[in-house]
Amino acid sequence: MAATYILAGLKFETAVIAQIIRRDVMQESVTYQAILREGVEQGLERGREAERQEIALNLLREGMTIDLISRTTGLPLQAIQHRQQQIS
C-alpha cells in the first residue's frame, strides 16, 4: 500500500491520492511509520545542530577561546572560526 502511495505521488496531486487511498491506512503502514520516524530524527538533529551553533556564537561573544568552544560544543574548529568571522 505504501509503495502505491509513493508511486502515485509521481503522477497525481496529493488531493487525488488522498481520495484514492485513505490516510488512516497509510498511517498504519510500517513504511509510513519508518519514514515518519526518520523525518522526526532529522528534525531533532537539525535542532541540536542549530542549538550548538547558537551556543558557540554566544560563547564567542563572551570571549571564550575557539578551542574550548569546540571541545564544549563538539563543533569543528573551522565552523567556530567561520562564526567568529561573521561577528567580527
PDB file of N, CA and C in Angstrom:
ATOM      1  N   MET A   1       0.823  -1.192   0.000  1.00  0.00           N
ATOM      2  CA  MET A   1       0.000   0.000   0.000  1.00  0.00           C
ATOM      3  C   MET A   1       0.870   1.260   0.000  1.00  0.00           C
ATOM      4  N   ALA A   2       1.937   1.256   0.791  1.00  0.00           N
ATOM      5  CA  ALA A   2       2.810   2.427   0.854  1.00  0.00           C
ATOM      6  C   ALA A   2       3.470   2.679  -0.494  1.00  0.00           C
ATOM      7  N   ALA A   3       3.890   1.610  -1.147  1.00  0.00           N
ATOM      8  CA  ALA A   3       4.517   1.759  -2.462  1.00  0.00           C
ATOM      9  C   ALA A   3       3.539   2.369  -3.453  1.00  0.00           C
ATOM     10  N   THR A   4       2.295   1.962  -3.365  1.00  0.00           N
ATOM     11  CA  THR A   4       1.258   2.520  -4.231  1.00  0.00           C
ATOM     12  C   THR A   4       1.141   4.017  -4.005  1.00  0.00           C
ATOM     13  N   TYR A   5       1.130   4.413  -2.749  1.00  0.00           N
ATOM     14  CA  TYR A   5       1.006   5.833  -2.402  1.00  0.00           C
ATOM     15  C   TYR A   5       2.205   6.620  -2.925  1.00  0.00           C
ATOM     16  N   ILE A   6       3.393   6.087  -2.695  1.00  0.00           N
ATOM     17  CA  ILE A   6       4.602   6.775  -3.141  1.00  0.00           C
ATOM     18  C   ILE A   6       4.637   6.894  -4.657  1.00  0.00           C
ATOM     19  N   LEU A   7       4.349   5.814  -5.353  1.00  0.00           N
ATOM     20  CA  LEU A   7       4.361   5.848  -6.814  1.00  0.00           C
ATOM     21  C   LEU A   7       3.246   6.725  -7.372  1.00  0.00           C
ATOM     22  N   ALA A   8       2.108   6.737  -6.704  1.00  0.00           N
ATOM     23  CA  ALA A   8       1.010   7.595  -7.152  1.00  0.00           C
ATOM     24  C   ALA A   8       1.415   9.061  -7.084  1.00  0.00           C
ATOM     25  N   GLY A   9       2.290   9.393  -6.120  1.00  0.00           N
ATOM     26  CA  GLY A   9       2.758  10.769  -5.979  1.00  0.00           C
ATOM     27  C   GLY A   9       3.538  11.262  -7.177  1.00  0.00           C
ATOM     28  N   LEU A  10       4.033  10.358  -7.975  1.00  0.00           N
ATOM     29  CA  LEU A  10       4.762  10.746  -9.178  1.00  0.00           C
ATOM     30  C   LEU A  10       3.830  11.231 -10.282  1.00  0.00           C
ATOM     31  N   LYS A  11       2.571  10.817 -10.225  1.00  0.00           N
ATOM     32  CA  LYS A  11       1.652  11.126 -11.312  1.00  0.00           C
ATOM     33  C   LYS A  11       0.491  12.022 -10.889  1.00  0.00           C
ATOM     34  N   PHE A  12       0.020  11.889  -9.660  1.00  0.00           N
ATOM     35  CA  PHE A  12      -1.197  12.582  -9.235  1.00  0.00           C
ATOM     36  C   PHE A  12      -0.920  13.629  -8.162  1.00  0.00           C
ATOM     37  N   GLU A  13      -1.838  14.561  -8.054  1.00  0.00           N
ATOM     38  CA  GLU A  13      -1.793  15.556  -6.990  1.00  0.00           C
ATOM     39  C   GLU A  13      -2.153  14.891  -5.673  1.00  0.00           C
ATOM     40  N   THR A  14      -1.708  15.491  -4.577  1.00  0.00           N
ATOM     41  CA  THR A  14      -1.954  14.941  -3.246  1.00  0.00           C
ATOM     42  C   THR A  14      -3.436  14.758  -2.965  1.00  0.00           C
ATOM     43  N   ALA A  15      -4.249  15.702  -3.376  1.00  0.00           N
ATOM     44  CA  ALA A  15      -5.693  15.615  -3.119  1.00  0.00           C
ATOM     45  C   ALA A  15      -6.302  14.396  -3.797  1.00  0.00           C
ATOM     46  N   VAL A  16      -5.856  14.114  -4.986  1.00  0.00           N
ATOM     47  CA  VAL A  16      -6.371  12.954  -5.720  1.00  0.00           C
ATOM     48  C   VAL A  16      -5.942  11.668  -5.026  1.00  0.00           C
ATOM     49  N   ILE A  17      -4.690  11.620  -4.617  1.00  0.00           N
ATOM     50  CA  ILE A  17      -4.185  10.428  -3.930  1.00  0.00           C
ATOM     51  C   ILE A  17      -4.952  10.203  -2.633  1.00  0.00           C
ATOM     52  N   ALA A  18      -5.204  11.270  -1.908  1.00  0.00           N
ATOM     53  CA  ALA A  18      -5.928  11.153  -0.638  1.00  0.00           C
ATOM     54  C   ALA A  18      -7.317  10.578  -0.839  1.00  0.00           C
ATOM     55  N   GLN A  19      -7.931  10.902  -1.952  1.00  0.00           N
ATOM     56  CA  GLN A  19      -9.251  10.348  -2.241  1.00  0.00           C
ATOM     57  C   GLN A  19      -9.155   8.865  -2.568  1.00  0.00           C
ATOM     58  N   ILE A  20      -8.069   8.472  -3.176  1.00  0.00           N
ATOM     59  CA  ILE A  20      -7.908   7.083  -3.582  1.00  0.00           C
ATOM     60  C   ILE A  20      -7.491   6.207  -2.399  1.00  0.00           C
ATOM     61  N   ILE A  21      -6.564   6.686  -1.638  1.00  0.00           N
ATOM     62  CA  ILE A  21      -6.020   5.897  -0.533  1.00  0.00           C
ATOM     63  C   ILE A  21      -6.327   6.609   0.777  1.00  0.00           C
ATOM     64  N   ARG A  22      -6.967   5.931   1.663  1.00  0.00           N
ATOM     65  CA  ARG A  22      -7.336   6.541   2.937  1.00  0.00           C
ATOM     66  C   ARG A  22      -6.096   6.816   3.774  1.00  0.00           C
ATOM     67  N   ARG A  23      -6.102   7.963   4.399  1.00  0.00           N
ATOM     68  CA  ARG A  23      -4.973   8.400   5.210  1.00  0.00           C
ATOM     69  C   ARG A  23      -4.704   7.453   6.379  1.00  0.00           C
ATOM     70  N   ASP A  24      -5.735   6.973   7.015  1.00  0.00           N
ATOM     71  CA  ASP A  24      -5.534   6.111   8.176  1.00  0.00           C
ATOM     72  C   ASP A  24      -4.853   4.804   7.805  1.00  0.00           C
ATOM     73  N   VAL A  25      -5.120   4.317   6.611  1.00  0.00           N
ATOM     74  CA  VAL A  25      -4.461   3.100   6.148  1.00  0.00           C
ATOM     75  C   VAL A  25      -2.968   3.371   5.988  1.00  0.00           C
ATOM     76  N   MET A  26      -2.639   4.514   5.431  1.00  0.00           N
ATOM     77  CA  MET A  26      -1.237   4.882   5.248  1.00  0.00           C
ATOM     78  C   MET A  26      -0.534   5.011   6.592  1.00  0.00           C
ATOM     79  N   GLN A  27      -1.188   5.636   7.561  1.00  0.00           N
ATOM     80  CA  GLN A  27      -0.554   5.864   8.851  1.00  0.00           C
ATOM     81  C   GLN A  27      -0.266   4.565   9.588  1.00  0.00           C
ATOM     82  N   GLU A  28      -1.005   3.532   9.294  1.00  0.00           N
ATOM     83  CA  GLU A  28      -0.765   2.232   9.919  1.00  0.00           C
ATOM     84  C   GLU A  28       0.352   1.463   9.219  1.00  0.00           C
ATOM     85  N   SER A  29       0.748   1.915   8.078  1.00  0.00           N
ATOM     86  CA  SER A  29       1.773   1.238   7.286  1.00  0.00           C
ATOM     87  C   SER A  29       3.133   1.296   7.984  1.00  0.00           C
ATOM     88  N   VAL A  30       3.841   0.184   7.956  1.00  0.00           N
ATOM     89  CA  VAL A  30       5.182   0.106   8.534  1.00  0.00           C
ATOM     90  C   VAL A  30       6.120   1.073   7.812  1.00  0.00           C
ATOM     91  N   THR A  31       6.002   1.144   6.508  1.00  0.00           N
ATOM     92  CA  THR A  31       6.845   2.039   5.718  1.00  0.00           C
ATOM     93  C   THR A  31       6.579   3.492   6.077  1.00  0.00           C
ATOM     94  N   TYR A  32       5.315   3.853   6.198  1.00  0.00           N
ATOM     95  CA  TYR A  32       4.946   5.222   6.574  1.00  0.00           C
ATOM     96  C   TYR A  32       5.552   5.563   7.928  1.00  0.00           C
ATOM     97  N   GLN A  33       5.427   4.663   8.885  1.00  0.00           N
ATOM     98  CA  GLN A  33       5.960   4.899  10.224  1.00  0.00           C
ATOM     99  C   GLN A  33       7.479   5.060  10.191  1.00  0.00           C
ATOM    100  N   ALA A  34       8.152   4.267   9.368  1.00  0.00           N
ATOM    101  CA  ALA A  34       9.607   4.371   9.251  1.00  0.00           C
ATOM    102  C   ALA A  34      10.006   5.717   8.658  1.00  0.00           C
ATOM    103  N   ILE A  35       9.303   6.147   7.629  1.00  0.00           N
ATOM    104  CA  ILE A  35       9.581   7.441   7.002  1.00  0.00           C
ATOM    105  C   ILE A  35       9.324   8.563   7.993  1.00  0.00           C
ATOM    106  N   LEU A  36       8.249   8.468   8.732  1.00  0.00           N
ATOM    107  CA  LEU A  36       7.908   9.474   9.734  1.00  0.00           C
ATOM    108  C   LEU A  36       8.985   9.545  10.816  1.00  0.00           C
ATOM    109  N   ARG A  37       9.420   8.386  11.320  1.00  0.00           N
ATOM    110  CA  ARG A  37      10.472   8.351  12.342  1.00  0.00           C
ATOM    111  C   ARG A  37      11.760   8.987  11.832  1.00  0.00           C
ATOM    112  N   GLU A  38      12.104   8.674  10.587  1.00  0.00           N
ATOM    113  CA  GLU A  38      13.317   9.238  10.004  1.00  0.00           C
ATOM    114  C   GLU A  38      13.215  10.761   9.910  1.00  0.00           C
ATOM    115  N   GLY A  39      12.059  11.254   9.519  1.00  0.00           N
ATOM    116  CA  GLY A  39      11.855  12.698   9.436  1.00  0.00           C
ATOM    117  C   GLY A  39      11.959  13.369  10.792  1.00  0.00           C
ATOM    118  N   VAL A  40      11.401  12.741  11.803  1.00  0.00           N
ATOM    119  CA  VAL A  40      11.476  13.286  13.160  1.00  0.00           C
ATOM    120  C   VAL A  40      12.929  13.323  13.625  1.00  0.00           C
ATOM    121  N   GLU A  41      13.664  12.249  13.399  1.00  0.00           N
ATOM    122  CA  GLU A  41      15.072  12.193  13.798  1.00  0.00           C
ATOM    123  C   GLU A  41      15.892  13.271  13.091  1.00  0.00           C
ATOM    124  N   GLN A  42      15.626  13.467  11.801  1.00  0.00           N
ATOM    125  CA  GLN A  42      16.346  14.503  11.059  1.00  0.00           C
ATOM    126  C   GLN A  42      16.030  15.882  11.623  1.00  0.00           C
ATOM    127  N   GLY A  43      14.780  16.110  11.947  1.00  0.00           N
ATOM    128  CA  GLY A  43      14.382  17.390  12.528  1.00  0.00           C
ATOM    129  C   GLY A  43      15.033  17.634  13.874  1.00  0.00           C
ATOM    130  N   LEU A  44      15.080  16.608  14.704  1.00  0.00           N
ATOM    131  CA  LEU A  44      15.728  16.736  16.009  1.00  0.00           C
ATOM    132  C   LEU A  44      17.218  17.023  15.859  1.00  0.00           C
ATOM    133  N   GLU A  45      17.861  16.341  14.935  1.00  0.00           N
ATOM    134  CA  GLU A  45      19.296  16.561  14.721  1.00  0.00           C
ATOM    135  C   GLU A  45      19.554  17.978  14.222  1.00  0.00           C
ATOM    136  N   ARG A  46      18.722  18.468  13.336  1.00  0.00           N
ATOM    137  CA  ARG A  46      18.880  19.854  12.853  1.00  0.00           C
ATOM    138  C   ARG A  46      18.707  20.840  14.001  1.00  0.00           C
ATOM    139  N   GLY A  47      17.763  20.557  14.873  1.00  0.00           N
ATOM    140  CA  GLY A  47      17.551  21.412  16.040  1.00  0.00           C
ATOM    141  C   GLY A  47      18.746  21.404  16.975  1.00  0.00           C
ATOM    142  N   ARG A  48      19.317  20.224  17.206  1.00  0.00           N
ATOM    143  CA  ARG A  48      20.508  20.128  18.067  1.00  0.00           C
ATOM    144  C   ARG A  48      21.688  20.870  17.446  1.00  0.00           C
ATOM    145  N   GLU A  49      21.840  20.747  16.138  1.00  0.00           N
ATOM    146  CA  GLU A  49      22.932  21.438  15.447  1.00  0.00           C
ATOM    147  C   GLU A  49      22.756  22.946  15.552  1.00  0.00           C
ATOM    148  N   ALA A  50      21.547  23.428  15.352  1.00  0.00           N
ATOM    149  CA  ALA A  50      21.279  24.864  15.460  1.00  0.00           C
ATOM    150  C   ALA A  50      21.565  25.353  16.877  1.00  0.00           C
ATOM    151  N   GLU A  51      21.226  24.545  17.860  1.00  0.00           N
ATOM    152  CA  GLU A  51      21.479  24.917  19.253  1.00  0.00           C
ATOM    153  C   GLU A  51      22.982  24.987  19.532  1.00  0.00           C
ATOM    154  N   ARG A  52      23.745  24.010  19.023  1.00  0.00           N
ATOM    155  CA  ARG A  52      25.206  24.042  19.197  1.00  0.00           C
ATOM    156  C   ARG A  52      25.801  25.288  18.542  1.00  0.00           C
ATOM    157  N   GLN A  53      25.287  25.639  17.368  1.00  0.00           N
ATOM    158  CA  GLN A  53      25.770  26.837  16.675  1.00  0.00           C
ATOM    159  C   GLN A  53      25.476  28.095  17.495  1.00  0.00           C
ATOM    160  N   GLU A  54      24.285  28.167  18.052  1.00  0.00           N
ATOM    161  CA  GLU A  54      23.886  29.327  18.859  1.00  0.00           C
ATOM    162  C   GLU A  54      24.732  29.421  20.124  1.00  0.00           C
ATOM    163  N   ILE A  55      24.971  28.292  20.761  1.00  0.00           N
ATOM    164  CA  ILE A  55      25.814  28.277  21.962  1.00  0.00           C
ATOM    165  C   ILE A  55      27.222  28.741  21.613  1.00  0.00           C
ATOM    166  N   ALA A  56      27.772  28.249  20.511  1.00  0.00           N
ATOM    167  CA  ALA A  56      29.113  28.655  20.080  1.00  0.00           C
ATOM    168  C   ALA A  56      29.167  30.159  19.841  1.00  0.00           C
ATOM    169  N   LEU A  57      28.154  30.685  19.203  1.00  0.00           N
ATOM    170  CA  LEU A  57      28.105  32.121  18.937  1.00  0.00           C
ATOM    171  C   LEU A  57      28.083  32.913  20.243  1.00  0.00           C
ATOM    172  N   ASN A  58      27.275  32.485  21.185  1.00  0.00           N
ATOM    173  CA  ASN A  58      27.198  33.169  22.482  1.00  0.00           C
ATOM    174  C   ASN A  58      28.523  33.086  23.236  1.00  0.00           C
ATOM    175  N   LEU A  59      29.176  31.931  23.181  1.00  0.00           N
ATOM    176  CA  LEU A  59      30.458  31.774  23.864  1.00  0.00           C
ATOM    177  C   LEU A  59      31.538  32.628  23.207  1.00  0.00           C
ATOM    178  N   LEU A  60      31.498  32.757  21.894  1.00  0.00           N
ATOM    179  CA  LEU A  60      32.435  33.652  21.206  1.00  0.00           C
ATOM    180  C   LEU A  60      32.238  35.086  21.673  1.00  0.00           C
ATOM    181  N   ARG A  61      31.004  35.494  21.773  1.00  0.00           N
ATOM    182  CA  ARG A  61      30.703  36.862  22.230  1.00  0.00           C
ATOM    183  C   ARG A  61      31.177  37.095  23.661  1.00  0.00           C
ATOM    184  N   GLU A  62      31.226  36.029  24.445  1.00  0.00           N
ATOM    185  CA  GLU A  62      31.693  36.126  25.829  1.00  0.00           C
ATOM    186  C   GLU A  62      33.215  36.044  25.927  1.00  0.00           C
ATOM    187  N   GLY A  63      33.878  35.807  24.796  1.00  0.00           N
ATOM    188  CA  GLY A  63      35.332  35.805  24.765  1.00  0.00           C
ATOM    189  C   GLY A  63      35.993  34.463  25.017  1.00  0.00           C
ATOM    190  N   MET A  64      35.246  33.380  24.979  1.00  0.00           N
ATOM    191  CA  MET A  64      35.825  32.054  25.184  1.00  0.00           C
ATOM    192  C   MET A  64      36.676  31.681  23.971  1.00  0.00           C
ATOM    193  N   THR A  65      37.728  30.913  24.202  1.00  0.00           N
ATOM    194  CA  THR A  65      38.623  30.525  23.109  1.00  0.00           C
ATOM    195  C   THR A  65      37.926  29.548  22.158  1.00  0.00           C
ATOM    196  N   ILE A  66      38.367  29.581  20.911  1.00  0.00           N
ATOM    197  CA  ILE A  66      37.796  28.711  19.878  1.00  0.00           C
ATOM    198  C   ILE A  66      38.001  27.244  20.237  1.00  0.00           C
ATOM    199  N   ASP A  67      39.185  26.916  20.754  1.00  0.00           N
ATOM    200  CA  ASP A  67      39.476  25.530  21.120  1.00  0.00           C
ATOM    201  C   ASP A  67      38.520  25.034  22.205  1.00  0.00           C
ATOM    202  N   LEU A  68      38.302  25.843  23.225  1.00  0.00           N
ATOM    203  CA  LEU A  68      37.406  25.443  24.314  1.00  0.00           C
ATOM    204  C   LEU A  68      35.958  25.334  23.825  1.00  0.00           C
ATOM    205  N   ILE A  69      35.558  26.237  22.946  1.00  0.00           N
ATOM    206  CA  ILE A  69      34.203  26.172  22.380  1.00  0.00           C
ATOM    207  C   ILE A  69      34.032  24.886  21.581  1.00  0.00           C
ATOM    208  N   SER A  70      35.045  24.528  20.818  1.00  0.00           N
ATOM    209  CA  SER A  70      34.985  23.302  20.024  1.00  0.00           C
ATOM    210  C   SER A  70      34.847  22.083  20.928  1.00  0.00           C
ATOM    211  N   ARG A  71      35.647  22.031  21.981  1.00  0.00           N
ATOM    212  CA  ARG A  71      35.567  20.893  22.898  1.00  0.00           C
ATOM    213  C   ARG A  71      34.232  20.863  23.643  1.00  0.00           C
ATOM    214  N   THR A  72      33.701  22.020  23.957  1.00  0.00           N
ATOM    215  CA  THR A  72      32.446  22.101  24.706  1.00  0.00           C
ATOM    216  C   THR A  72      31.243  21.725  23.851  1.00  0.00           C
ATOM    217  N   THR A  73      31.199  22.225  22.624  1.00  0.00           N
ATOM    218  CA  THR A  73      30.024  22.019  21.769  1.00  0.00           C
ATOM    219  C   THR A  73      30.146  20.815  20.844  1.00  0.00           C
ATOM    220  N   GLY A  74      31.384  20.368  20.605  1.00  0.00           N
ATOM    221  CA  GLY A  74      31.587  19.282  19.653  1.00  0.00           C
ATOM    222  C   GLY A  74      31.636  19.761  18.209  1.00  0.00           C
ATOM    223  N   LEU A  75      31.578  21.059  18.005  1.00  0.00           N
ATOM    224  CA  LEU A  75      31.655  21.616  16.649  1.00  0.00           C
ATOM    225  C   LEU A  75      33.106  21.641  16.177  1.00  0.00           C
ATOM    226  N   PRO A  76      33.338  21.478  14.876  1.00  0.00           N
ATOM    227  CA  PRO A  76      34.705  21.555  14.354  1.00  0.00           C
ATOM    228  C   PRO A  76      35.265  22.975  14.500  1.00  0.00           C
ATOM    229  N   LEU A  77      36.577  23.062  14.651  1.00  0.00           N
ATOM    230  CA  LEU A  77      37.231  24.366  14.793  1.00  0.00           C
ATOM    231  C   LEU A  77      36.886  25.302  13.637  1.00  0.00           C
ATOM    232  N   GLN A  78      36.851  24.749  12.407  1.00  0.00           N
ATOM    233  CA  GLN A  78      36.576  25.583  11.232  1.00  0.00           C
ATOM    234  C   GLN A  78      35.198  26.236  11.326  1.00  0.00           C
ATOM    235  N   ALA A  79      34.220  25.516  11.831  1.00  0.00           N
ATOM    236  CA  ALA A  79      32.870  26.071  11.946  1.00  0.00           C
ATOM    237  C   ALA A  79      32.850  27.229  12.935  1.00  0.00           C
ATOM    238  N   ILE A  80      33.598  27.090  14.017  1.00  0.00           N
ATOM    239  CA  ILE A  80      33.638  28.150  15.026  1.00  0.00           C
ATOM    240  C   ILE A  80      34.417  29.348  14.499  1.00  0.00           C
ATOM    241  N   GLN A  81      35.507  29.097  13.792  1.00  0.00           N
ATOM    242  CA  GLN A  81      36.271  30.192  13.190  1.00  0.00           C
ATOM    243  C   GLN A  81      35.403  30.965  12.201  1.00  0.00           C
ATOM    244  N   HIS A  82      34.597  30.235  11.437  1.00  0.00           N
ATOM    245  CA  HIS A  82      33.685  30.877  10.490  1.00  0.00           C
ATOM    246  C   HIS A  82      32.694  31.768  11.237  1.00  0.00           C
ATOM    247  N   ARG A  83      32.149  31.269  12.339  1.00  0.00           N
ATOM    248  CA  ARG A  83      31.221  32.063  13.158  1.00  0.00           C
ATOM    249  C   ARG A  83      31.915  33.310  13.693  1.00  0.00           C
ATOM    250  N   GLN A  84      33.167  33.145  14.115  1.00  0.00           N
ATOM    251  CA  GLN A  84      33.912  34.276  14.665  1.00  0.00           C
ATOM    252  C   GLN A  84      34.086  35.366  13.610  1.00  0.00           C
ATOM    253  N   GLN A  85      34.354  34.968  12.379  1.00  0.00           N
ATOM    254  CA  GLN A  85      34.495  35.939  11.291  1.00  0.00           C
ATOM    255  C   GLN A  85      33.180  36.664  11.035  1.00  0.00           C
ATOM    256  N   GLN A  86      32.065  35.978  11.227  1.00  0.00           N
ATOM    257  CA  GLN A  86      30.758  36.593  10.998  1.00  0.00           C
ATOM    258  C   GLN A  86      30.465  37.699  12.004  1.00  0.00           C
ATOM    259  N   ILE A  87      30.939  37.540  13.232  1.00  0.00           N
ATOM    260  CA  ILE A  87      30.624  38.553  14.247  1.00  0.00           C
ATOM    261  C   ILE A  87      31.695  39.630  14.344  1.00  0.00           C
ATOM    262  N   SER A  88      32.839  39.438  13.655  1.00  0.00           N
ATOM    263  CA  SER A  88      33.925  40.429  13.711  1.00  0.00           C
ATOM    264  C   SER A  88      33.688  41.558  12.749  1.00  0.00           C
TER     265      SER A  88
END
